[in-house]
Protein backbone atom coordinates (compact mmCIF):
# COMPACT_ATOMS: atom_id res chain seq x y z
CA UNK A 1 0.00 0.00 0.00
CA UNK A 2 1.40 3.42 -0.93
CA UNK A 3 1.42 6.40 1.42
CA UNK A 4 -1.37 8.03 -0.60
CA UNK A 5 -3.45 4.84 -0.52
CA UNK A 6 -3.07 4.71 3.27
CA UNK A 7 -3.99 8.41 3.52
CA UNK A 8 -7.11 7.88 1.42
CA UNK A 9 -8.14 4.88 3.54
CA UNK A 10 -7.73 6.87 6.77
CA UNK A 11 -9.51 10.06 5.59
CA UNK A 12 -12.67 9.13 3.63
CA UNK A 13 -14.80 11.95 5.08
CA UNK A 14 -12.15 14.52 4.11
CA UNK A 15 -12.28 13.13 0.56
CA UNK A 16 -16.06 13.63 0.46
CA UNK A 17 -15.77 17.19 1.78
CA UNK A 18 -13.04 17.95 -0.76
CA UNK A 19 -15.31 16.88 -3.61
CA UNK A 20 -18.08 19.11 -2.26
CA UNK A 21 -15.66 22.04 -1.91
CA UNK A 22 -14.39 21.61 -5.48
CA UNK A 23 -17.93 22.24 -6.73
CA UNK A 24 -18.03 25.61 -4.95
CA UNK A 25 -14.40 26.80 -4.75
CA UNK A 26 -11.78 26.56 -7.52
CA UNK A 27 -9.50 23.68 -6.54
CA UNK A 28 -11.54 23.09 -3.39
CA UNK A 29 -9.25 25.19 -1.18
CA UNK A 30 -9.22 28.83 -0.11
CA UNK A 31 -5.44 29.31 0.09
CA UNK A 32 -2.44 27.63 -1.55
CA UNK A 33 -0.79 26.78 1.77
CA UNK A 34 -3.72 24.48 2.58
CA UNK A 35 -3.13 22.39 -0.56
CA UNK A 36 -2.16 18.84 0.39
CA UNK A 37 -2.08 15.81 -1.89
CA UNK A 38 -4.27 14.00 -2.54
CA UNK A 39 -6.56 16.32 -0.50
CA UNK A 40 -6.45 18.19 2.84
CA UNK A 41 -7.85 16.93 6.12
CA UNK A 42 -10.89 18.76 7.44
CA UNK A 43 -10.72 19.81 11.07
CA UNK A 44 -13.94 19.20 12.98
CA UNK A 45 -13.07 20.66 16.38
CA UNK A 46 -10.23 21.93 18.53
CA UNK A 47 -9.39 22.41 22.19
CA UNK A 48 -6.22 24.25 23.12
CA UNK A 49 -3.39 22.86 20.96
CA UNK A 50 -5.34 19.71 20.00
CA UNK A 51 -7.40 19.29 16.84
CA UNK A 52 -9.60 16.45 15.59
CA UNK A 53 -10.43 15.88 11.95
CA UNK A 54 -13.77 14.72 10.57
CA UNK A 55 -12.43 11.16 10.47
CA UNK A 56 -11.66 11.17 14.22
CA UNK A 57 -7.85 11.55 14.11
CA UNK A 58 -6.25 13.73 16.78
CA UNK A 59 -3.44 16.20 16.02
CA UNK A 60 -1.33 18.54 18.14
CA UNK A 61 -1.03 22.00 16.59
CA UNK A 62 2.51 23.29 17.03
CA UNK A 63 1.99 26.24 14.66
């Protein structure tokens, strides 16, 4: 399995939201820095430095 295949398998809801966004926004993103291949993750909620995407994965925001 390639890295992109694994990414797609782990983020199916982000893929769906990307397709919806592409119908309304050119390229499906609002800024070039948010462009990730094959598509960006969509953040559902955040608390302090922690974020959760629509697929339930937790991230720590160091930005």
